[in-house]
Amino acid sequence: MKLNQKKCTIYPFLKAVRGCWHNALFIKCNHTVCPHGQSPPCEGFLMAVDADGSPILMPAKVLQQLSGESIEPESCQAVIGKRTFESVYGLYIEWHTVSSTGCPLMELCRASDKYHCF
């Protein structure tokens, strides 16, 4: 698949994980039915941190589509739950999201200027 660089810039994520998604954290959502109405439920997110300490989130599904690789949570540096992420990054989420009912991780992905792949 050819990446259109104007629509999909994943360089900040790849730079943060030093070119290897295995260096990311995997944020796992354990819901079988998404409480935010996502259908089908997401497969989780990969997380890296930029130079300022801000999280860079990449939906696992997007990276899998772009790379053609199967993204296995256990192949990442660590696996954390969505609730853990929301607890640790609670203030960041509060300041960087608008909706109180939508998925904060998906909103952080969509609001990010770092890439627009989905």
C-alpha atoms as a PDB file:
ATOM      1  CA  MET A   1       0.000   0.000   0.000  1.00  0.00           C
ATOM      2  CA  LYS A   2       1.329   3.436  -0.920  1.00  0.00           C
ATOM      3  CA  LEU A   3       1.013   6.059   1.787  1.00  0.00           C
ATOM      4  CA  ASN A   4      -0.271   9.461   0.756  1.00  0.00           C
ATOM      5  CA  GLN A   5       1.939  11.706   2.865  1.00  0.00           C
ATOM      6  CA  LYS A   6      -0.520  14.589   2.752  1.00  0.00           C
ATOM      7  CA  LYS A   7      -3.222  12.430   4.381  1.00  0.00           C
ATOM      8  CA  CYS A   8      -1.155  10.158   6.591  1.00  0.00           C
ATOM      9  CA  THR A   9       1.925  11.305   8.433  1.00  0.00           C
ATOM     10  CA  ILE A  10       2.915   8.681  10.975  1.00  0.00           C
ATOM     11  CA  TYR A  11       6.474   9.902  11.271  1.00  0.00           C
ATOM     12  CA  PRO A  12       6.060  11.335  14.824  1.00  0.00           C
ATOM     13  CA  PHE A  13       4.812   7.968  16.079  1.00  0.00           C
ATOM     14  CA  LEU A  14       7.523   6.012  14.270  1.00  0.00           C
ATOM     15  CA  LYS A  15      10.187   8.444  15.484  1.00  0.00           C
ATOM     16  CA  ALA A  16       8.979   8.093  19.072  1.00  0.00           C
ATOM     17  CA  VAL A  17       9.176   4.274  18.888  1.00  0.00           C
ATOM     18  CA  ARG A  18      12.507   4.420  17.027  1.00  0.00           C
ATOM     19  CA  GLY A  19      10.992   2.866  13.910  1.00  0.00           C
ATOM     20  CA  CYS A  20       9.647  -0.225  15.645  1.00  0.00           C
ATOM     21  CA  TRP A  21       6.075  -0.461  16.949  1.00  0.00           C
ATOM     22  CA  HIS A  22       7.247  -3.143  19.401  1.00  0.00           C
ATOM     23  CA  ASN A  23       8.734  -0.248  21.431  1.00  0.00           C
ATOM     24  CA  ALA A  24       5.257   1.176  22.089  1.00  0.00           C
ATOM     25  CA  LEU A  25       2.891   0.528  24.969  1.00  0.00           C
ATOM     26  CA  PHE A  26      -0.324  -1.248  24.075  1.00  0.00           C
ATOM     27  CA  ILE A  27      -3.493   0.232  25.561  1.00  0.00           C
ATOM     28  CA  LYS A  28      -6.074  -2.516  25.722  1.00  0.00           C
ATOM     29  CA  CYS A  29      -9.796  -1.911  25.824  1.00  0.00           C
ATOM     30  CA  ASN A  30     -11.430  -4.963  27.362  1.00  0.00           C
ATOM     31  CA  HIS A  31     -15.001  -4.205  26.287  1.00  0.00           C
ATOM     32  CA  THR A  32     -16.760  -6.685  24.009  1.00  0.00           C
ATOM     33  CA  VAL A  33     -19.347  -3.979  23.282  1.00  0.00           C
ATOM     34  CA  CYS A  34     -17.907  -0.469  23.064  1.00  0.00           C
ATOM     35  CA  PRO A  35     -19.471   1.818  25.692  1.00  0.00           C
ATOM     36  CA  HIS A  36     -18.893   4.710  23.272  1.00  0.00           C
ATOM     37  CA  GLY A  37     -20.795   3.162  20.346  1.00  0.00           C
ATOM     38  CA  GLN A  38     -17.767   2.144  18.270  1.00  0.00           C
ATOM     39  CA  SER A  39     -18.827  -0.769  16.092  1.00  0.00           C
ATOM     40  CA  PRO A  40     -16.994  -3.040  15.921  1.00  0.00           C
ATOM     41  CA  PRO A  41     -15.133  -2.271  19.160  1.00  0.00           C
ATOM     42  CA  CYS A  42     -11.585  -1.021  18.685  1.00  0.00           C
ATOM     43  CA  GLU A  43      -8.671  -3.405  18.878  1.00  0.00           C
ATOM     44  CA  GLY A  44      -6.724  -1.120  21.190  1.00  0.00           C
ATOM     45  CA  PHE A  45      -4.136   1.601  20.763  1.00  0.00           C
ATOM     46  CA  LEU A  46      -0.389   1.839  20.564  1.00  0.00           C
ATOM     47  CA  MET A  47       1.127   4.641  22.607  1.00  0.00           C
ATOM     48  CA  ALA A  48       4.445   6.408  22.386  1.00  0.00           C
ATOM     49  CA  VAL A  49       5.496   9.654  24.038  1.00  0.00           C
ATOM     50  CA  ASP A  50       6.867  12.684  22.197  1.00  0.00           C
ATOM     51  CA  ALA A  51       9.755  14.875  23.325  1.00  0.00           C
ATOM     52  CA  ASP A  52       7.394  17.026  25.412  1.00  0.00           C
ATOM     53  CA  GLY A  53       5.933  14.015  27.247  1.00  0.00           C
ATOM     54  CA  SER A  54       2.628  14.114  25.396  1.00  0.00           C
ATOM     55  CA  PRO A  55       1.157  10.767  24.360  1.00  0.00           C
ATOM     56  CA  ILE A  56       1.074   9.864  20.688  1.00  0.00           C
ATOM     57  CA  LEU A  57      -1.740   7.386  20.116  1.00  0.00           C
ATOM     58  CA  MET A  58      -2.130   5.147  17.104  1.00  0.00           C
ATOM     59  CA  PRO A  59      -5.105   2.806  16.728  1.00  0.00           C
ATOM     60  CA  ALA A  60      -3.727  -0.729  16.426  1.00  0.00           C
ATOM     61  CA  LYS A  61      -6.102  -1.328  13.529  1.00  0.00           C
ATOM     62  CA  VAL A  62      -4.626   1.598  11.563  1.00  0.00           C
ATOM     63  CA  LEU A  63      -1.038   0.486  12.071  1.00  0.00           C
ATOM     64  CA  GLN A  64      -1.999  -3.061  11.111  1.00  0.00           C
ATOM     65  CA  GLN A  65      -3.591  -1.790   7.884  1.00  0.00           C
ATOM     66  CA  LEU A  66      -0.581   0.393   7.063  1.00  0.00           C
ATOM     67  CA  SER A  67       2.100  -2.161   7.889  1.00  0.00           C
ATOM     68  CA  GLY A  68       0.357  -5.402   6.991  1.00  0.00           C
ATOM     69  CA  GLU A  69       1.652  -6.856  10.263  1.00  0.00           C
ATOM     70  CA  SER A  70      -0.461  -8.455  12.947  1.00  0.00           C
ATOM     71  CA  ILE A  71      -0.271  -6.205  16.018  1.00  0.00           C
ATOM     72  CA  GLU A  72      -0.091  -8.421  19.086  1.00  0.00           C
ATOM     73  CA  PRO A  73      -0.361  -6.621  22.453  1.00  0.00           C
ATOM     74  CA  GLU A  74       2.161  -8.965  24.076  1.00  0.00           C
ATOM     75  CA  SER A  75       4.742  -7.978  21.431  1.00  0.00           C
ATOM     76  CA  CYS A  76       4.802  -4.415  22.780  1.00  0.00           C
ATOM     77  CA  GLN A  77       6.918  -3.140  25.681  1.00  0.00           C
ATOM     78  CA  ALA A  78       3.949  -3.387  28.038  1.00  0.00           C
ATOM     79  CA  VAL A  79       0.186  -3.757  28.014  1.00  0.00           C
ATOM     80  CA  ILE A  80      -1.954  -1.419  30.098  1.00  0.00           C
ATOM     81  CA  GLY A  81      -5.695  -1.173  30.361  1.00  0.00           C
ATOM     82  CA  LYS A  82      -7.703   1.737  29.044  1.00  0.00           C
ATOM     83  CA  ARG A  83      -8.790   2.582  32.598  1.00  0.00           C
ATOM     84  CA  THR A  84      -5.167   2.739  33.704  1.00  0.00           C
ATOM     85  CA  PHE A  85      -4.331   5.115  30.850  1.00  0.00           C
ATOM     86  CA  GLU A  86      -7.346   7.276  31.689  1.00  0.00           C
ATOM     87  CA  SER A  87      -6.307   7.371  35.343  1.00  0.00           C
ATOM     88  CA  VAL A  88      -2.666   8.272  34.667  1.00  0.00           C
ATOM     89  CA  TYR A  89      -3.459  10.792  31.904  1.00  0.00           C
ATOM     90  CA  GLY A  90      -6.681  12.102  33.450  1.00  0.00           C
ATOM     91  CA  LEU A  91      -5.704  15.779  33.454  1.00  0.00           C
ATOM     92  CA  TYR A  92      -4.201  15.531  29.975  1.00  0.00           C
ATOM     93  CA  ILE A  93      -7.460  14.013  28.711  1.00  0.00           C
ATOM     94  CA  GLU A  94      -9.473  16.725  30.460  1.00  0.00           C
ATOM     95  CA  TRP A  95      -7.443  19.483  28.783  1.00  0.00           C
ATOM     96  CA  HIS A  96      -7.172  17.899  25.318  1.00  0.00           C
ATOM     97  CA  THR A  97     -10.646  16.470  24.680  1.00  0.00           C
ATOM     98  CA  VAL A  98     -14.057  18.053  24.283  1.00  0.00           C
ATOM     99  CA  SER A  99     -16.588  15.253  24.667  1.00  0.00           C
ATOM    100  CA  SER A 100     -17.338  13.704  28.025  1.00  0.00           C
ATOM    101  CA  THR A 101     -19.293  10.837  26.433  1.00  0.00           C
ATOM    102  CA  GLY A 102     -17.022   9.771  23.568  1.00  0.00           C
ATOM    103  CA  CYS A 103     -13.937   7.599  23.772  1.00  0.00           C
ATOM    104  CA  PRO A 104     -11.134   9.850  25.008  1.00  0.00           C
ATOM    105  CA  LEU A 105      -8.461   7.780  23.279  1.00  0.00           C
ATOM    106  CA  MET A 106     -10.205   7.970  19.922  1.00  0.00           C
ATOM    107  CA  GLU A 107     -10.793  11.684  20.438  1.00  0.00           C
ATOM    108  CA  LEU A 108      -7.101  12.223  21.202  1.00  0.00           C
ATOM    109  CA  CYS A 109      -6.265  10.382  17.973  1.00  0.00           C
ATOM    110  CA  ARG A 110      -8.689  12.387  15.874  1.00  0.00           C
ATOM    111  CA  ALA A 111      -7.738  15.732  17.420  1.00  0.00           C
ATOM    112  CA  SER A 112      -4.054  15.110  16.868  1.00  0.00           C
ATOM    113  CA  ASP A 113      -2.314  16.957  14.058  1.00  0.00           C
ATOM    114  CA  LYS A 114       0.335  14.251  14.064  1.00  0.00           C
ATOM    115  CA  TYR A 115      -1.483  11.975  11.597  1.00  0.00           C
ATOM    116  CA  HIS A 116      -4.843  11.614   9.876  1.00  0.00           C
ATOM    117  CA  CYS A 117      -5.138   7.999   8.822  1.00  0.00           C
ATOM    118  CA  PHE A 118      -8.667   7.098   9.809  1.00  0.00           C
END
